[in-house]
Amino acid sequence: MASDADTASSRSERERYRLAAEATLEQLDWCVHLLTNLRKHSEARQLRVNVAQVRDRLDR
């Protein structure tokens, strides 16, 4: 059976990965806006779809 320290360590590591994923998604949002401003609408749309899928999986 896992000790309390192991469980806390696992939670801490999961939270760290979650924060890193959220920061990465924020950067991708910035890229979507940049692509939109550069009139690369097709690329921006596809990236937006991909980001939404990752967000959905992250929220599960």
PDB file of N, CA and C in Angstrom:
ATOM      1  N   MET A   1       0.845  -1.179   0.000  1.00  0.00           N
ATOM      2  CA  MET A   1       0.000   0.000   0.000  1.00  0.00           C
ATOM      3  C   MET A   1       0.888   1.240   0.000  1.00  0.00           C
ATOM      4  N   ALA A   2       0.494   2.248  -0.719  1.00  0.00           N
ATOM      5  CA  ALA A   2       1.288   3.476  -0.835  1.00  0.00           C
ATOM      6  C   ALA A   2       1.224   4.274   0.458  1.00  0.00           C
ATOM      7  N   SER A   3       2.367   4.823   0.820  1.00  0.00           N
ATOM      8  CA  SER A   3       2.403   5.642   2.024  1.00  0.00           C
ATOM      9  C   SER A   3       1.859   7.029   1.721  1.00  0.00           C
ATOM     10  N   ASP A   4       1.603   7.791   2.781  1.00  0.00           N
ATOM     11  CA  ASP A   4       1.098   9.160   2.607  1.00  0.00           C
ATOM     12  C   ASP A   4       2.099  10.020   1.840  1.00  0.00           C
ATOM     13  N   ALA A   5       3.392   9.799   2.087  1.00  0.00           N
ATOM     14  CA  ALA A   5       4.427  10.580   1.405  1.00  0.00           C
ATOM     15  C   ALA A   5       4.425  10.278  -0.092  1.00  0.00           C
ATOM     16  N   ASP A   6       4.257   9.000  -0.438  1.00  0.00           N
ATOM     17  CA  ASP A   6       4.203   8.619  -1.862  1.00  0.00           C
ATOM     18  C   ASP A   6       2.988   9.233  -2.538  1.00  0.00           C
ATOM     19  N   THR A   7       1.854   9.215  -1.855  1.00  0.00           N
ATOM     20  CA  THR A   7       0.621   9.776  -2.410  1.00  0.00           C
ATOM     21  C   THR A   7       0.764  11.280  -2.595  1.00  0.00           C
ATOM     22  N   ALA A   8       1.327  11.965  -1.614  1.00  0.00           N
ATOM     23  CA  ALA A   8       1.531  13.414  -1.714  1.00  0.00           C
ATOM     24  C   ALA A   8       2.511  13.729  -2.831  1.00  0.00           C
ATOM     25  N   SER A   9       3.531  12.917  -2.967  1.00  0.00           N
ATOM     26  CA  SER A   9       4.520  13.117  -4.026  1.00  0.00           C
ATOM     27  C   SER A   9       3.879  12.938  -5.399  1.00  0.00           C
ATOM     28  N   SER A  10       3.038  11.934  -5.546  1.00  0.00           N
ATOM     29  CA  SER A  10       2.344  11.701  -6.814  1.00  0.00           C
ATOM     30  C   SER A  10       1.419  12.856  -7.145  1.00  0.00           C
ATOM     31  N   ARG A  11       0.686  13.347  -6.148  1.00  0.00           N
ATOM     32  CA  ARG A  11      -0.207  14.491  -6.368  1.00  0.00           C
ATOM     33  C   ARG A  11       0.580  15.717  -6.775  1.00  0.00           C
ATOM     34  N   SER A  12       1.692  15.933  -6.100  1.00  0.00           N
ATOM     35  CA  SER A  12       2.538  17.086  -6.390  1.00  0.00           C
ATOM     36  C   SER A  12       3.079  17.006  -7.825  1.00  0.00           C
ATOM     37  N   GLU A  13       3.496  15.814  -8.218  1.00  0.00           N
ATOM     38  CA  GLU A  13       4.027  15.638  -9.576  1.00  0.00           C
ATOM     39  C   GLU A  13       2.930  15.830 -10.616  1.00  0.00           C
ATOM     40  N   ARG A  14       1.741  15.287 -10.361  1.00  0.00           N
ATOM     41  CA  ARG A  14       0.619  15.480 -11.284  1.00  0.00           C
ATOM     42  C   ARG A  14       0.271  16.955 -11.414  1.00  0.00           C
ATOM     43  N   GLU A  15       0.273  17.680 -10.319  1.00  0.00           N
ATOM     44  CA  GLU A  15      -0.042  19.112 -10.345  1.00  0.00           C
ATOM     45  C   GLU A  15       1.020  19.882 -11.127  1.00  0.00           C
ATOM     46  N   ARG A  16       2.274  19.491 -10.958  1.00  0.00           N
ATOM     47  CA  ARG A  16       3.358  20.144 -11.687  1.00  0.00           C
ATOM     48  C   ARG A  16       3.209  19.939 -13.197  1.00  0.00           C
ATOM     49  N   TYR A  17       2.886  18.707 -13.604  1.00  0.00           N
ATOM     50  CA  TYR A  17       2.669  18.431 -15.027  1.00  0.00           C
ATOM     51  C   TYR A  17       1.446  19.183 -15.545  1.00  0.00           C
ATOM     52  N   ARG A  18       0.401  19.271 -14.740  1.00  0.00           N
ATOM     53  CA  ARG A  18      -0.812  19.982 -15.151  1.00  0.00           C
ATOM     54  C   ARG A  18      -0.513  21.468 -15.371  1.00  0.00           C
ATOM     55  N   LEU A  19       0.240  22.067 -14.463  1.00  0.00           N
ATOM     56  CA  LEU A  19       0.611  23.479 -14.607  1.00  0.00           C
ATOM     57  C   LEU A  19       1.463  23.693 -15.858  1.00  0.00           C
ATOM     58  N   ALA A  20       2.364  22.773 -16.122  1.00  0.00           N
ATOM     59  CA  ALA A  20       3.204  22.885 -17.320  1.00  0.00           C
ATOM     60  C   ALA A  20       2.352  22.758 -18.580  1.00  0.00           C
ATOM     61  N   ALA A  21       1.392  21.857 -18.573  1.00  0.00           N
ATOM     62  CA  ALA A  21       0.507  21.688 -19.728  1.00  0.00           C
ATOM     63  C   ALA A  21      -0.335  22.940 -19.946  1.00  0.00           C
ATOM     64  N   GLU A  22      -0.849  23.524 -18.865  1.00  0.00           N
ATOM     65  CA  GLU A  22      -1.649  24.740 -18.987  1.00  0.00           C
ATOM     66  C   GLU A  22      -0.817  25.902 -19.523  1.00  0.00           C
ATOM     67  N   ALA A  23       0.426  26.011 -19.079  1.00  0.00           N
ATOM     68  CA  ALA A  23       1.307  27.069 -19.585  1.00  0.00           C
ATOM     69  C   ALA A  23       1.574  26.870 -21.077  1.00  0.00           C
ATOM     70  N   THR A  24       1.757  25.637 -21.481  1.00  0.00           N
ATOM     71  CA  THR A  24       1.984  25.338 -22.893  1.00  0.00           C
ATOM     72  C   THR A  24       0.753  25.679 -23.724  1.00  0.00           C
ATOM     73  N   LEU A  25      -0.427  25.367 -23.200  1.00  0.00           N
ATOM     74  CA  LEU A  25      -1.661  25.689 -23.917  1.00  0.00           C
ATOM     75  C   LEU A  25      -1.854  27.199 -24.045  1.00  0.00           C
ATOM     76  N   GLU A  26      -1.453  27.941 -23.036  1.00  0.00           N
ATOM     77  CA  GLU A  26      -1.518  29.410 -23.126  1.00  0.00           C
ATOM     78  C   GLU A  26      -0.602  29.916 -24.245  1.00  0.00           C
ATOM     79  N   GLN A  27       0.580  29.318 -24.358  1.00  0.00           N
ATOM     80  CA  GLN A  27       1.492  29.709 -25.431  1.00  0.00           C
ATOM     81  C   GLN A  27       0.903  29.364 -26.799  1.00  0.00           C
ATOM     82  N   LEU A  28       0.233  28.234 -26.885  1.00  0.00           N
ATOM     83  CA  LEU A  28      -0.405  27.856 -28.145  1.00  0.00           C
ATOM     84  C   LEU A  28      -1.553  28.800 -28.486  1.00  0.00           C
ATOM     85  N   ASP A  29      -2.277  29.265 -27.468  1.00  0.00           N
ATOM     86  CA  ASP A  29      -3.323  30.272 -27.708  1.00  0.00           C
ATOM     87  C   ASP A  29      -2.714  31.527 -28.312  1.00  0.00           C
ATOM     88  N   TRP A  30      -1.564  31.920 -27.800  1.00  0.00           N
ATOM     89  CA  TRP A  30      -0.865  33.092 -28.339  1.00  0.00           C
ATOM     90  C   TRP A  30      -0.516  32.841 -29.810  1.00  0.00           C
ATOM     91  N   CYS A  31      -0.062  31.631 -30.115  1.00  0.00           N
ATOM     92  CA  CYS A  31       0.275  31.282 -31.507  1.00  0.00           C
ATOM     93  C   CYS A  31      -0.954  31.344 -32.403  1.00  0.00           C
ATOM     94  N   VAL A  32      -2.101  30.898 -31.890  1.00  0.00           N
ATOM     95  CA  VAL A  32      -3.341  30.968 -32.662  1.00  0.00           C
ATOM     96  C   VAL A  32      -3.651  32.420 -33.014  1.00  0.00           C
ATOM     97  N   HIS A  33      -3.528  33.308 -32.027  1.00  0.00           N
ATOM     98  CA  HIS A  33      -3.789  34.727 -32.282  1.00  0.00           C
ATOM     99  C   HIS A  33      -2.800  35.294 -33.302  1.00  0.00           C
ATOM    100  N   LEU A  34      -1.550  34.913 -33.186  1.00  0.00           N
ATOM    101  CA  LEU A  34      -0.548  35.383 -34.138  1.00  0.00           C
ATOM    102  C   LEU A  34      -0.878  34.904 -35.551  1.00  0.00           C
ATOM    103  N   LEU A  35      -1.189  33.632 -35.684  1.00  0.00           N
ATOM    104  CA  LEU A  35      -1.531  33.091 -37.002  1.00  0.00           C
ATOM    105  C   LEU A  35      -2.762  33.788 -37.577  1.00  0.00           C
ATOM    106  N   THR A  36      -3.727  34.081 -36.722  1.00  0.00           N
ATOM    107  CA  THR A  36      -4.919  34.791 -37.183  1.00  0.00           C
ATOM    108  C   THR A  36      -4.540  36.182 -37.683  1.00  0.00           C
ATOM    109  N   ASN A  37      -3.704  36.883 -36.935  1.00  0.00           N
ATOM    110  CA  ASN A  37      -3.272  38.224 -37.341  1.00  0.00           C
ATOM    111  C   ASN A  37      -2.448  38.202 -38.627  1.00  0.00           C
ATOM    112  N   LEU A  38      -1.758  37.105 -38.859  1.00  0.00           N
ATOM    113  CA  LEU A  38      -0.968  36.959 -40.090  1.00  0.00           C
ATOM    114  C   LEU A  38      -1.823  36.430 -41.244  1.00  0.00           C
ATOM    115  N   ARG A  39      -3.119  36.321 -40.997  1.00  0.00           N
ATOM    116  CA  ARG A  39      -4.089  35.834 -41.994  1.00  0.00           C
ATOM    117  C   ARG A  39      -3.806  34.395 -42.433  1.00  0.00           C
ATOM    118  N   LYS A  40      -3.315  33.615 -41.505  1.00  0.00           N
ATOM    119  CA  LYS A  40      -3.109  32.180 -41.720  1.00  0.00           C
ATOM    120  C   LYS A  40      -4.275  31.457 -41.034  1.00  0.00           C
ATOM    121  N   HIS A  41      -5.478  31.729 -41.540  1.00  0.00           N
ATOM    122  CA  HIS A  41      -6.700  31.278 -40.871  1.00  0.00           C
ATOM    123  C   HIS A  41      -6.827  29.754 -40.811  1.00  0.00           C
ATOM    124  N   SER A  42      -6.428  29.094 -41.859  1.00  0.00           N
ATOM    125  CA  SER A  42      -6.522  27.634 -41.878  1.00  0.00           C
ATOM    126  C   SER A  42      -5.637  27.013 -40.796  1.00  0.00           C
ATOM    127  N   GLU A  43      -4.408  27.506 -40.692  1.00  0.00           N
ATOM    128  CA  GLU A  43      -3.478  26.988 -39.687  1.00  0.00           C
ATOM    129  C   GLU A  43      -3.963  27.320 -38.281  1.00  0.00           C
ATOM    130  N   ALA A  44      -4.467  28.543 -38.099  1.00  0.00           N
ATOM    131  CA  ALA A  44      -4.972  28.957 -36.787  1.00  0.00           C
ATOM    132  C   ALA A  44      -6.158  28.086 -36.377  1.00  0.00           C
ATOM    133  N   ARG A  45      -7.061  27.826 -37.316  1.00  0.00           N
ATOM    134  CA  ARG A  45      -8.240  27.007 -37.028  1.00  0.00           C
ATOM    135  C   ARG A  45      -7.833  25.602 -36.598  1.00  0.00           C
ATOM    136  N   GLN A  46      -6.899  25.001 -37.321  1.00  0.00           N
ATOM    137  CA  GLN A  46      -6.483  23.635 -36.985  1.00  0.00           C
ATOM    138  C   GLN A  46      -5.779  23.595 -35.625  1.00  0.00           C
ATOM    139  N   LEU A  47      -4.936  24.567 -35.370  1.00  0.00           N
ATOM    140  CA  LEU A  47      -4.263  24.617 -34.073  1.00  0.00           C
ATOM    141  C   LEU A  47      -5.282  24.809 -32.951  1.00  0.00           C
ATOM    142  N   ARG A  48      -6.296  25.649 -33.185  1.00  0.00           N
ATOM    143  CA  ARG A  48      -7.343  25.881 -32.188  1.00  0.00           C
ATOM    144  C   ARG A  48      -8.093  24.582 -31.882  1.00  0.00           C
ATOM    145  N   VAL A  49      -8.376  23.789 -32.921  1.00  0.00           N
ATOM    146  CA  VAL A  49      -9.044  22.491 -32.730  1.00  0.00           C
ATOM    147  C   VAL A  49      -8.168  21.559 -31.903  1.00  0.00           C
ATOM    148  N   ASN A  50      -6.894  21.512 -32.225  1.00  0.00           N
ATOM    149  CA  ASN A  50      -5.966  20.640 -31.488  1.00  0.00           C
ATOM    150  C   ASN A  50      -5.863  21.060 -30.026  1.00  0.00           C
ATOM    151  N   VAL A  51      -5.771  22.350 -29.779  1.00  0.00           N
ATOM    152  CA  VAL A  51      -5.675  22.858 -28.405  1.00  0.00           C
ATOM    153  C   VAL A  51      -6.943  22.489 -27.634  1.00  0.00           C
ATOM    154  N   ALA A  52      -8.095  22.626 -28.267  1.00  0.00           N
ATOM    155  CA  ALA A  52      -9.355  22.285 -27.604  1.00  0.00           C
ATOM    156  C   ALA A  52      -9.398  20.801 -27.235  1.00  0.00           C
ATOM    157  N   GLN A  53      -8.912  19.945 -28.110  1.00  0.00           N
ATOM    158  CA  GLN A  53      -8.882  18.516 -27.814  1.00  0.00           C
ATOM    159  C   GLN A  53      -7.968  18.215 -26.632  1.00  0.00           C
ATOM    160  N   VAL A  54      -6.822  18.858 -26.592  1.00  0.00           N
ATOM    161  CA  VAL A  54      -5.896  18.639 -25.479  1.00  0.00           C
ATOM    162  C   VAL A  54      -6.518  19.142 -24.177  1.00  0.00           C
ATOM    163  N   ARG A  55      -7.167  20.286 -24.221  1.00  0.00           N
ATOM    164  CA  ARG A  55      -7.833  20.827 -23.024  1.00  0.00           C
ATOM    165  C   ARG A  55      -8.912  19.865 -22.517  1.00  0.00           C
ATOM    166  N   ASP A  56      -9.695  19.310 -23.444  1.00  0.00           N
ATOM    167  CA  ASP A  56     -10.734  18.355 -23.050  1.00  0.00           C
ATOM    168  C   ASP A  56     -10.125  17.146 -22.353  1.00  0.00           C
ATOM    169  N   ARG A  57      -9.043  16.628 -22.899  1.00  0.00           N
ATOM    170  CA  ARG A  57      -8.387  15.467 -22.288  1.00  0.00           C
ATOM    171  C   ARG A  57      -7.766  15.810 -20.943  1.00  0.00           C
ATOM    172  N   LEU A  58      -7.260  17.018 -20.838  1.00  0.00           N
ATOM    173  CA  LEU A  58      -6.629  17.445 -19.589  1.00  0.00           C
ATOM    174  C   LEU A  58      -7.667  17.601 -18.487  1.00  0.00           C
ATOM    175  N   ASP A  59      -8.874  18.012 -18.851  1.00  0.00           N
ATOM    176  CA  ASP A  59      -9.936  18.240 -17.868  1.00  0.00           C
ATOM    177  C   ASP A  59     -10.569  16.948 -17.365  1.00  0.00           C
ATOM    178  N   ARG A  60     -10.309  15.842 -17.997  1.00  0.00           N
ATOM    179  CA  ARG A  60     -10.904  14.563 -17.566  1.00  0.00           C
ATOM    180  C   ARG A  60     -10.312  14.067 -16.296  1.00  0.00           C
TER     181      ARG A  60
END
